[in-house]
Amino acid sequence: MADLCQQCSIEIWGEDSRDLADSSRIAGRLAGQSDTIYQALCEGCGLTWVDNAGRCVDRNCRLHGDSQKPSAALLSSLLPSPSSPGAV
């Protein structure tokens, strides 16, 4: 069975299967920490970093990292301005 981070699980199955969340709780207990970020293998993202909730927090993740999020400038350039024809 495939292990998925929280985001991939929601994208693929429509809900959080908590595959990697369970592993992070175990890793946190072993390390004696409550807030643990650790490296995991997500079948969607690949090798990534996840938090206690199993959420991918790797800034360089090919699917969920900061580099994949469009900048505000890019978003504003794609949206019509309120004064342009055809604006809603």
PDB file of N, CA and C in Angstrom:
ATOM      1  N   MET A   1       0.842  -1.179   0.000  1.00  0.00           N
ATOM      2  CA  MET A   1       0.000   0.000   0.000  1.00  0.00           C
ATOM      3  C   MET A   1       0.892   1.250   0.000  1.00  0.00           C
ATOM      4  N   ALA A   2       0.495   2.234  -0.748  1.00  0.00           N
ATOM      5  CA  ALA A   2       1.269   3.462  -0.892  1.00  0.00           C
ATOM      6  C   ALA A   2       1.058   4.376   0.307  1.00  0.00           C
ATOM      7  N   ASP A   3       2.129   5.029   0.731  1.00  0.00           N
ATOM      8  CA  ASP A   3       2.038   6.055   1.764  1.00  0.00           C
ATOM      9  C   ASP A   3       2.026   7.403   1.073  1.00  0.00           C
ATOM     10  N   LEU A   4       1.108   8.257   1.494  1.00  0.00           N
ATOM     11  CA  LEU A   4       0.947   9.572   0.885  1.00  0.00           C
ATOM     12  C   LEU A   4       0.983  10.650   1.951  1.00  0.00           C
ATOM     13  N   CYS A   5       1.550  11.811   1.600  1.00  0.00           N
ATOM     14  CA  CYS A   5       1.476  12.952   2.503  1.00  0.00           C
ATOM     15  C   CYS A   5       0.022  13.434   2.528  1.00  0.00           C
ATOM     16  N   GLN A   6      -0.269  14.332   3.438  1.00  0.00           N
ATOM     17  CA  GLN A   6      -1.636  14.823   3.595  1.00  0.00           C
ATOM     18  C   GLN A   6      -2.175  15.434   2.301  1.00  0.00           C
ATOM     19  N   GLN A   7      -1.389  16.295   1.643  1.00  0.00           N
ATOM     20  CA  GLN A   7      -1.867  16.956   0.435  1.00  0.00           C
ATOM     21  C   GLN A   7      -2.130  15.960  -0.692  1.00  0.00           C
ATOM     22  N   CYS A   8      -1.201  15.015  -0.912  1.00  0.00           N
ATOM     23  CA  CYS A   8      -1.385  14.028  -1.981  1.00  0.00           C
ATOM     24  C   CYS A   8      -2.579  13.135  -1.694  1.00  0.00           C
ATOM     25  N   SER A   9      -2.750  12.759  -0.441  1.00  0.00           N
ATOM     26  CA  SER A   9      -3.880  11.917  -0.063  1.00  0.00           C
ATOM     27  C   SER A   9      -5.202  12.606  -0.382  1.00  0.00           C
ATOM     28  N   ILE A  10      -5.286  13.883  -0.042  1.00  0.00           N
ATOM     29  CA  ILE A  10      -6.520  14.633  -0.322  1.00  0.00           C
ATOM     30  C   ILE A  10      -6.721  14.789  -1.825  1.00  0.00           C
ATOM     31  N   GLU A  11      -5.638  15.054  -2.568  1.00  0.00           N
ATOM     32  CA  GLU A  11      -5.746  15.205  -4.019  1.00  0.00           C
ATOM     33  C   GLU A  11      -6.162  13.902  -4.697  1.00  0.00           C
ATOM     34  N   ILE A  12      -5.644  12.773  -4.215  1.00  0.00           N
ATOM     35  CA  ILE A  12      -5.911  11.486  -4.871  1.00  0.00           C
ATOM     36  C   ILE A  12      -7.197  10.836  -4.370  1.00  0.00           C
ATOM     37  N   TRP A  13      -7.366  10.774  -3.040  1.00  0.00           N
ATOM     38  CA  TRP A  13      -8.493  10.035  -2.455  1.00  0.00           C
ATOM     39  C   TRP A  13      -9.634  10.931  -1.985  1.00  0.00           C
ATOM     40  N   GLY A  14      -9.412  12.249  -1.923  1.00  0.00           N
ATOM     41  CA  GLY A  14     -10.460  13.147  -1.463  1.00  0.00           C
ATOM     42  C   GLY A  14     -10.528  13.273   0.051  1.00  0.00           C
ATOM     43  N   GLU A  15      -9.612  12.629   0.774  1.00  0.00           N
ATOM     44  CA  GLU A  15      -9.553  12.734   2.231  1.00  0.00           C
ATOM     45  C   GLU A  15      -8.137  12.421   2.703  1.00  0.00           C
ATOM     46  N   ASP A  16      -7.864  12.831   3.928  1.00  0.00           N
ATOM     47  CA  ASP A  16      -6.531  12.603   4.501  1.00  0.00           C
ATOM     48  C   ASP A  16      -6.484  11.184   5.059  1.00  0.00           C
ATOM     49  N   SER A  17      -5.677  10.333   4.450  1.00  0.00           N
ATOM     50  CA  SER A  17      -5.563   8.947   4.916  1.00  0.00           C
ATOM     51  C   SER A  17      -4.624   8.825   6.114  1.00  0.00           C
ATOM     52  N   ARG A  18      -3.897   9.895   6.447  1.00  0.00           N
ATOM     53  CA  ARG A  18      -2.997   9.970   7.601  1.00  0.00           C
ATOM     54  C   ARG A  18      -1.897   8.910   7.557  1.00  0.00           C
ATOM     55  N   ASP A  19      -1.490   8.523   6.346  1.00  0.00           N
ATOM     56  CA  ASP A  19      -0.431   7.517   6.186  1.00  0.00           C
ATOM     57  C   ASP A  19       0.854   7.944   6.878  1.00  0.00           C
ATOM     58  N   LEU A  20       1.303   9.145   6.598  1.00  0.00           N
ATOM     59  CA  LEU A  20       2.576   9.601   7.149  1.00  0.00           C
ATOM     60  C   LEU A  20       2.410  10.289   8.494  1.00  0.00           C
ATOM     61  N   ALA A  21       1.190  10.626   8.886  1.00  0.00           N
ATOM     62  CA  ALA A  21       0.959  11.220  10.202  1.00  0.00           C
ATOM     63  C   ALA A  21       1.228  10.186  11.291  1.00  0.00           C
ATOM     64  N   ASP A  22       0.814   8.977  11.087  1.00  0.00           N
ATOM     65  CA  ASP A  22       1.039   7.921  12.069  1.00  0.00           C
ATOM     66  C   ASP A  22       2.525   7.684  12.269  1.00  0.00           C
ATOM     67  N   SER A  23       3.276   7.666  11.192  1.00  0.00           N
ATOM     68  CA  SER A  23       4.725   7.448  11.278  1.00  0.00           C
ATOM     69  C   SER A  23       5.405   8.591  11.999  1.00  0.00           C
ATOM     70  N   SER A  24       4.936   9.830  11.796  1.00  0.00           N
ATOM     71  CA  SER A  24       5.581  10.963  12.443  1.00  0.00           C
ATOM     72  C   SER A  24       5.353  10.935  13.942  1.00  0.00           C
ATOM     73  N   ARG A  25       4.203  10.460  14.401  1.00  0.00           N
ATOM     74  CA  ARG A  25       3.974  10.349  15.845  1.00  0.00           C
ATOM     75  C   ARG A  25       4.944   9.354  16.454  1.00  0.00           C
ATOM     76  N   ILE A  26       5.181   8.243  15.767  1.00  0.00           N
ATOM     77  CA  ILE A  26       6.133   7.250  16.255  1.00  0.00           C
ATOM     78  C   ILE A  26       7.533   7.849  16.284  1.00  0.00           C
ATOM     79  N   ALA A  27       7.923   8.526  15.214  1.00  0.00           N
ATOM     80  CA  ALA A  27       9.255   9.136  15.152  1.00  0.00           C
ATOM     81  C   ALA A  27       9.409  10.186  16.242  1.00  0.00           C
ATOM     82  N   GLY A  28       8.354  10.959  16.508  1.00  0.00           N
ATOM     83  CA  GLY A  28       8.408  11.976  17.551  1.00  0.00           C
ATOM     84  C   GLY A  28       8.568  11.362  18.923  1.00  0.00           C
ATOM     85  N   ARG A  29       7.856  10.276  19.173  1.00  0.00           N
ATOM     86  CA  ARG A  29       7.990   9.595  20.463  1.00  0.00           C
ATOM     87  C   ARG A  29       9.395   9.037  20.634  1.00  0.00           C
ATOM     88  N   LEU A  30       9.935   8.462  19.570  1.00  0.00           N
ATOM     89  CA  LEU A  30      11.275   7.896  19.654  1.00  0.00           C
ATOM     90  C   LEU A  30      12.311   8.981  19.903  1.00  0.00           C
ATOM     91  N   ALA A  31      12.098  10.145  19.320  1.00  0.00           N
ATOM     92  CA  ALA A  31      13.049  11.241  19.482  1.00  0.00           C
ATOM     93  C   ALA A  31      12.787  12.034  20.760  1.00  0.00           C
ATOM     94  N   GLY A  32      11.665  11.735  21.441  1.00  0.00           N
ATOM     95  CA  GLY A  32      11.309  12.456  22.652  1.00  0.00           C
ATOM     96  C   GLY A  32      10.814  13.859  22.385  1.00  0.00           C
ATOM     97  N   GLN A  33      10.273  14.094  21.202  1.00  0.00           N
ATOM     98  CA  GLN A  33       9.794  15.417  20.820  1.00  0.00           C
ATOM     99  C   GLN A  33       8.328  15.331  20.437  1.00  0.00           C
ATOM    100  N   SER A  34       7.604  16.426  20.670  1.00  0.00           N
ATOM    101  CA  SER A  34       6.199  16.452  20.270  1.00  0.00           C
ATOM    102  C   SER A  34       6.033  17.014  18.860  1.00  0.00           C
ATOM    103  N   ASP A  35       6.887  17.962  18.483  1.00  0.00           N
ATOM    104  CA  ASP A  35       6.823  18.556  17.145  1.00  0.00           C
ATOM    105  C   ASP A  35       8.029  18.087  16.354  1.00  0.00           C
ATOM    106  N   THR A  36       7.803  17.143  15.475  1.00  0.00           N
ATOM    107  CA  THR A  36       8.893  16.564  14.711  1.00  0.00           C
ATOM    108  C   THR A  36       8.653  16.776  13.234  1.00  0.00           C
ATOM    109  N   ILE A  37       9.686  17.162  12.527  1.00  0.00           N
ATOM    110  CA  ILE A  37       9.654  17.195  11.068  1.00  0.00           C
ATOM    111  C   ILE A  37      10.687  16.174  10.633  1.00  0.00           C
ATOM    112  N   TYR A  38      10.273  15.269   9.772  1.00  0.00           N
ATOM    113  CA  TYR A  38      11.196  14.212   9.381  1.00  0.00           C
ATOM    114  C   TYR A  38      11.044  13.899   7.900  1.00  0.00           C
ATOM    115  N   GLN A  39      12.044  13.243   7.363  1.00  0.00           N
ATOM    116  CA  GLN A  39      12.044  12.888   5.950  1.00  0.00           C
ATOM    117  C   GLN A  39      11.231  11.618   5.751  1.00  0.00           C
ATOM    118  N   ALA A  40      10.412  11.620   4.710  1.00  0.00           N
ATOM    119  CA  ALA A  40       9.552  10.477   4.424  1.00  0.00           C
ATOM    120  C   ALA A  40       9.453  10.294   2.906  1.00  0.00           C
ATOM    121  N   LEU A  41       9.021   9.124   2.522  1.00  0.00           N
ATOM    122  CA  LEU A  41       8.819   8.832   1.106  1.00  0.00           C
ATOM    123  C   LEU A  41       7.324   8.819   0.820  1.00  0.00           C
ATOM    124  N   CYS A  42       6.874   9.845   0.113  1.00  0.00           N
ATOM    125  CA  CYS A  42       5.474   9.953  -0.305  1.00  0.00           C
ATOM    126  C   CYS A  42       5.394   9.421  -1.733  1.00  0.00           C
ATOM    127  N   GLU A  43       4.420   8.600  -2.002  1.00  0.00           N
ATOM    128  CA  GLU A  43       4.280   8.032  -3.348  1.00  0.00           C
ATOM    129  C   GLU A  43       3.892   9.089  -4.378  1.00  0.00           C
ATOM    130  N   GLY A  44       3.419  10.247  -3.926  1.00  0.00           N
ATOM    131  CA  GLY A  44       3.089  11.331  -4.846  1.00  0.00           C
ATOM    132  C   GLY A  44       4.242  12.302  -5.021  1.00  0.00           C
ATOM    133  N   CYS A  45       4.783  12.775  -3.899  1.00  0.00           N
ATOM    134  CA  CYS A  45       5.860  13.787  -3.905  1.00  0.00           C
ATOM    135  C   CYS A  45       7.230  13.194  -4.145  1.00  0.00           C
ATOM    136  N   GLY A  46       7.441  11.997  -3.666  1.00  0.00           N
ATOM    137  CA  GLY A  46       8.785  11.431  -3.640  1.00  0.00           C
ATOM    138  C   GLY A  46       9.376  11.657  -2.265  1.00  0.00           C
ATOM    139  N   LEU A  47      10.691  11.736  -2.181  1.00  0.00           N
ATOM    140  CA  LEU A  47      11.360  11.967  -0.905  1.00  0.00           C
ATOM    141  C   LEU A  47      11.107  13.406  -0.481  1.00  0.00           C
ATOM    142  N   THR A  48      10.512  13.597   0.700  1.00  0.00           N
ATOM    143  CA  THR A  48      10.108  14.927   1.147  1.00  0.00           C
ATOM    144  C   THR A  48      10.198  15.016   2.662  1.00  0.00           C
ATOM    145  N   TRP A  49       9.874  16.177   3.213  1.00  0.00           N
ATOM    146  CA  TRP A  49       9.828  16.398   4.661  1.00  0.00           C
ATOM    147  C   TRP A  49       8.369  16.573   5.057  1.00  0.00           C
ATOM    148  N   VAL A  50       7.938  15.907   6.133  1.00  0.00           N
ATOM    149  CA  VAL A  50       6.565  16.014   6.618  1.00  0.00           C
ATOM    150  C   VAL A  50       6.562  16.370   8.099  1.00  0.00           C
ATOM    151  N   ASP A  51       5.449  16.960   8.551  1.00  0.00           N
ATOM    152  CA  ASP A  51       5.305  17.297   9.960  1.00  0.00           C
ATOM    153  C   ASP A  51       4.461  16.246  10.677  1.00  0.00           C
ATOM    154  N   ASN A  52       4.084  16.522  11.925  1.00  0.00           N
ATOM    155  CA  ASN A  52       3.323  15.560  12.718  1.00  0.00           C
ATOM    156  C   ASN A  52       1.987  15.177  12.089  1.00  0.00           C
ATOM    157  N   ALA A  53       1.397  16.073  11.336  1.00  0.00           N
ATOM    158  CA  ALA A  53       0.116  15.795  10.692  1.00  0.00           C
ATOM    159  C   ALA A  53       0.282  15.014   9.388  1.00  0.00           C
ATOM    160  N   GLY A  54       1.535  14.778   8.986  1.00  0.00           N
ATOM    161  CA  GLY A  54       1.785  14.097   7.719  1.00  0.00           C
ATOM    162  C   GLY A  54       1.760  15.042   6.536  1.00  0.00           C
ATOM    163  N   ARG A  55       1.720  16.336   6.822  1.00  0.00           N
ATOM    164  CA  ARG A  55       1.645  17.369   5.782  1.00  0.00           C
ATOM    165  C   ARG A  55       3.040  17.624   5.220  1.00  0.00           C
ATOM    166  N   CYS A  56       3.146  17.667   3.913  1.00  0.00           N
ATOM    167  CA  CYS A  56       4.417  17.964   3.244  1.00  0.00           C
ATOM    168  C   CYS A  56       4.793  19.415   3.540  1.00  0.00           C
ATOM    169  N   VAL A  57       5.974  19.601   4.132  1.00  0.00           N
ATOM    170  CA  VAL A  57       6.439  20.943   4.475  1.00  0.00           C
ATOM    171  C   VAL A  57       7.758  21.278   3.785  1.00  0.00           C
ATOM    172  N   ASP A  58       8.139  20.474   2.823  1.00  0.00           N
ATOM    173  CA  ASP A  58       9.395  20.669   2.100  1.00  0.00           C
ATOM    174  C   ASP A  58       9.240  21.820   1.116  1.00  0.00           C
ATOM    175  N   ARG A  59      10.021  22.885   1.316  1.00  0.00           N
ATOM    176  CA  ARG A  59       9.934  24.053   0.425  1.00  0.00           C
ATOM    177  C   ARG A  59      10.335  23.713  -0.998  1.00  0.00           C
ATOM    178  N   ASN A  60      11.101  22.638  -1.177  1.00  0.00           N
ATOM    179  CA  ASN A  60      11.559  22.246  -2.505  1.00  0.00           C
ATOM    180  C   ASN A  60      10.757  21.092  -3.100  1.00  0.00           C
ATOM    181  N   CYS A  61       9.662  20.726  -2.485  1.00  0.00           N
ATOM    182  CA  CYS A  61       8.828  19.643  -3.012  1.00  0.00           C
ATOM    183  C   CYS A  61       8.361  19.993  -4.416  1.00  0.00           C
ATOM    184  N   ARG A  62       8.447  19.029  -5.312  1.00  0.00           N
ATOM    185  CA  ARG A  62       8.075  19.296  -6.709  1.00  0.00           C
ATOM    186  C   ARG A  62       6.576  19.537  -6.881  1.00  0.00           C
ATOM    187  N   LEU A  63       5.752  19.106  -5.908  1.00  0.00           N
ATOM    188  CA  LEU A  63       4.311  19.306  -6.008  1.00  0.00           C
ATOM    189  C   LEU A  63       3.770  20.369  -5.060  1.00  0.00           C
ATOM    190  N   HIS A  64       4.317  20.457  -3.855  1.00  0.00           N
ATOM    191  CA  HIS A  64       3.739  21.330  -2.836  1.00  0.00           C
ATOM    192  C   HIS A  64       4.685  22.387  -2.295  1.00  0.00           C
ATOM    193  N   GLY A  65       5.878  22.457  -2.820  1.00  0.00           N
ATOM    194  CA  GLY A  65       6.869  23.406  -2.308  1.00  0.00           C
ATOM    195  C   GLY A  65       6.597  24.835  -2.721  1.00  0.00           C
ATOM    196  N   ASP A  66       7.318  25.752  -2.083  1.00  0.00           N
ATOM    197  CA  ASP A  66       7.161  27.182  -2.380  1.00  0.00           C
ATOM    198  C   ASP A  66       7.436  27.504  -3.834  1.00  0.00           C
ATOM    199  N   SER A  67       8.332  26.757  -4.457  1.00  0.00           N
ATOM    200  CA  SER A  67       8.663  27.034  -5.854  1.00  0.00           C
ATOM    201  C   SER A  67       7.495  26.699  -6.785  1.00  0.00           C
ATOM    202  N   GLN A  68       6.534  25.917  -6.309  1.00  0.00           N
ATOM    203  CA  GLN A  68       5.388  25.550  -7.129  1.00  0.00           C
ATOM    204  C   GLN A  68       4.211  26.505  -6.956  1.00  0.00           C
ATOM    205  N   LYS A  69       4.289  27.399  -5.964  1.00  0.00           N
ATOM    206  CA  LYS A  69       3.199  28.335  -5.709  1.00  0.00           C
ATOM    207  C   LYS A  69       3.430  29.605  -6.524  1.00  0.00           C
ATOM    208  N   PRO A  70       2.447  30.020  -7.289  1.00  0.00           N
ATOM    209  CA  PRO A  70       2.645  31.223  -8.101  1.00  0.00           C
ATOM    210  C   PRO A  70       2.778  32.457  -7.215  1.00  0.00           C
ATOM    211  N   SER A  71       3.598  33.377  -7.636  1.00  0.00           N
ATOM    212  CA  SER A  71       3.791  34.611  -6.874  1.00  0.00           C
ATOM    213  C   SER A  71       2.571  35.511  -7.031  1.00  0.00           C
ATOM    214  N   ALA A  72       2.423  36.453  -6.121  1.00  0.00           N
ATOM    215  CA  ALA A  72       1.311  37.399  -6.186  1.00  0.00           C
ATOM    216  C   ALA A  72       1.368  38.204  -7.486  1.00  0.00           C
ATOM    217  N   ALA A  73       2.581  38.555  -7.920  1.00  0.00           N
ATOM    218  CA  ALA A  73       2.730  39.323  -9.160  1.00  0.00           C
ATOM    219  C   ALA A  73       2.240  38.513 -10.357  1.00  0.00           C
ATOM    220  N   LEU A  74       2.562  37.221 -10.385  1.00  0.00           N
ATOM    221  CA  LEU A  74       2.106  36.377 -11.481  1.00  0.00           C
ATOM    222  C   LEU A  74       0.591  36.245 -11.459  1.00  0.00           C
ATOM    223  N   LEU A  75       0.027  36.012 -10.281  1.00  0.00           N
ATOM    224  CA  LEU A  75      -1.430  35.885 -10.177  1.00  0.00           C
ATOM    225  C   LEU A  75      -2.130  37.157 -10.631  1.00  0.00           C
ATOM    226  N   SER A  76      -1.643  38.312 -10.208  1.00  0.00           N
ATOM    227  CA  SER A  76      -2.285  39.566 -10.593  1.00  0.00           C
ATOM    228  C   SER A  76      -2.147  39.821 -12.086  1.00  0.00           C
ATOM    229  N   SER A  77      -1.067  39.337 -12.701  1.00  0.00           N
ATOM    230  CA  SER A  77      -0.909  39.533 -14.139  1.00  0.00           C
ATOM    231  C   SER A  77      -1.862  38.640 -14.937  1.00  0.00           C
ATOM    232  N   LEU A  78      -2.309  37.553 -14.344  1.00  0.00           N
ATOM    233  CA  LEU A  78      -3.223  36.642 -15.034  1.00  0.00           C
ATOM    234  C   LEU A  78      -4.690  37.065 -14.897  1.00  0.00           C
ATOM    235  N   LEU A  79      -4.987  37.781 -13.811  1.00  0.00           N
ATOM    236  CA  LEU A  79      -6.365  38.206 -13.563  1.00  0.00           C
ATOM    237  C   LEU A  79      -6.642  39.531 -14.255  1.00  0.00           C
ATOM    238  N   PRO A  80      -7.849  39.690 -14.804  1.00  0.00           N
ATOM    239  CA  PRO A  80      -8.146  40.972 -15.444  1.00  0.00           C
ATOM    240  C   PRO A  80      -8.278  42.056 -14.383  1.00  0.00           C
ATOM    241  N   SER A  81      -7.815  43.262 -14.726  1.00  0.00           N
ATOM    242  CA  SER A  81      -7.968  44.374 -13.790  1.00  0.00           C
ATOM    243  C   SER A  81      -9.411  44.844 -13.829  1.00  0.00           C
ATOM    244  N   PRO A  82      -9.910  45.439 -12.760  1.00  0.00           N
ATOM    245  CA  PRO A  82     -11.307  45.866 -12.709  1.00  0.00           C
ATOM    246  C   PRO A  82     -11.671  46.847 -13.808  1.00  0.00           C
ATOM    247  N   SER A  83     -10.713  47.617 -14.348  1.00  0.00           N
ATOM    248  CA  SER A  83     -11.030  48.602 -15.378  1.00  0.00           C
ATOM    249  C   SER A  83     -10.911  48.034 -16.788  1.00  0.00           C
ATOM    250  N   SER A  84     -10.415  46.784 -16.917  1.00  0.00           N
ATOM    251  CA  SER A  84     -10.238  46.237 -18.265  1.00  0.00           C
ATOM    252  C   SER A  84     -11.556  45.692 -18.791  1.00  0.00           C
ATOM    253  N   PRO A  85     -11.754  45.721 -20.112  1.00  0.00           N
ATOM    254  CA  PRO A  85     -12.959  45.181 -20.709  1.00  0.00           C
ATOM    255  C   PRO A  85     -13.074  43.680 -20.390  1.00  0.00           C
ATOM    256  N   GLY A  86     -14.266  43.245 -20.101  1.00  0.00           N
ATOM    257  CA  GLY A  86     -14.500  41.843 -19.821  1.00  0.00           C
ATOM    258  C   GLY A  86     -14.271  41.479 -18.369  1.00  0.00           C
ATOM    259  N   ALA A  87     -13.955  42.479 -17.539  1.00  0.00           N
ATOM    260  CA  ALA A  87     -13.752  42.205 -16.120  1.00  0.00           C
ATOM    261  C   ALA A  87     -15.086  41.916 -15.469  1.00  0.00           C
ATOM    262  N   VAL A  88     -15.071  41.068 -14.534  1.00  0.00           N
ATOM    263  CA  VAL A  88     -16.317  40.679 -13.859  1.00  0.00           C
ATOM    264  C   VAL A  88     -16.581  41.586 -12.699  1.00  0.00           C
TER     265      VAL A  88
END
